[in-house]
Amino acid sequence: MKNIFSKEFWAERDMELLIGRLLRYGVILACGITLFGGAVYLFQNQGLSIDHYKPIPDDLPFPGVDHYLRELSTIIPRVLSFDGAAIIQLGVCVLIATPILRVAFSVIGFLIERDYMYVVITLIVLSIIVANMLLGLH
């Protein structure tokens, strides 16, 4: 068996095929999590009718989601307690993380292939994505 970090290993396998699988499985996982969360959410809120929701006046901005659904550190504990909205939000986070993982995986692939120009370009793209996630306005 060839070493996974050798150039021969990657020459035998099409890099684009592996990245395609990563994207496909990430989207399938995100859809599965979101559908499961939607089912849990509907089960938990089955007794509510439309009368319980107050209409939002037109002059107010969209309120967004509950505060606990805005950060991954507060979503995970709620997922463990089977909160349907938190499970749905986790599915959205997995969907957002999928292309970011694709970029990170590309860096590793380019390093193994010793294509340093693409390593630098891909690291710049990855750093821009991570910086926007971490330093985004609240």
Foldseek 3Di string as FASTA:
>chain_A
DDDPLAPVVPVVPPPVVVLVVLLVVLLVVLVVLQVVLVVLQCVVCVPDDPVVDDDDDPVDDDPDDDPLLPDPVSLVVVVVVSNSVSSNSVSVVSNVCSVLVSLVVVLSVCVSVVVVVVNVVSVVVSVVVVCCVVVPDD
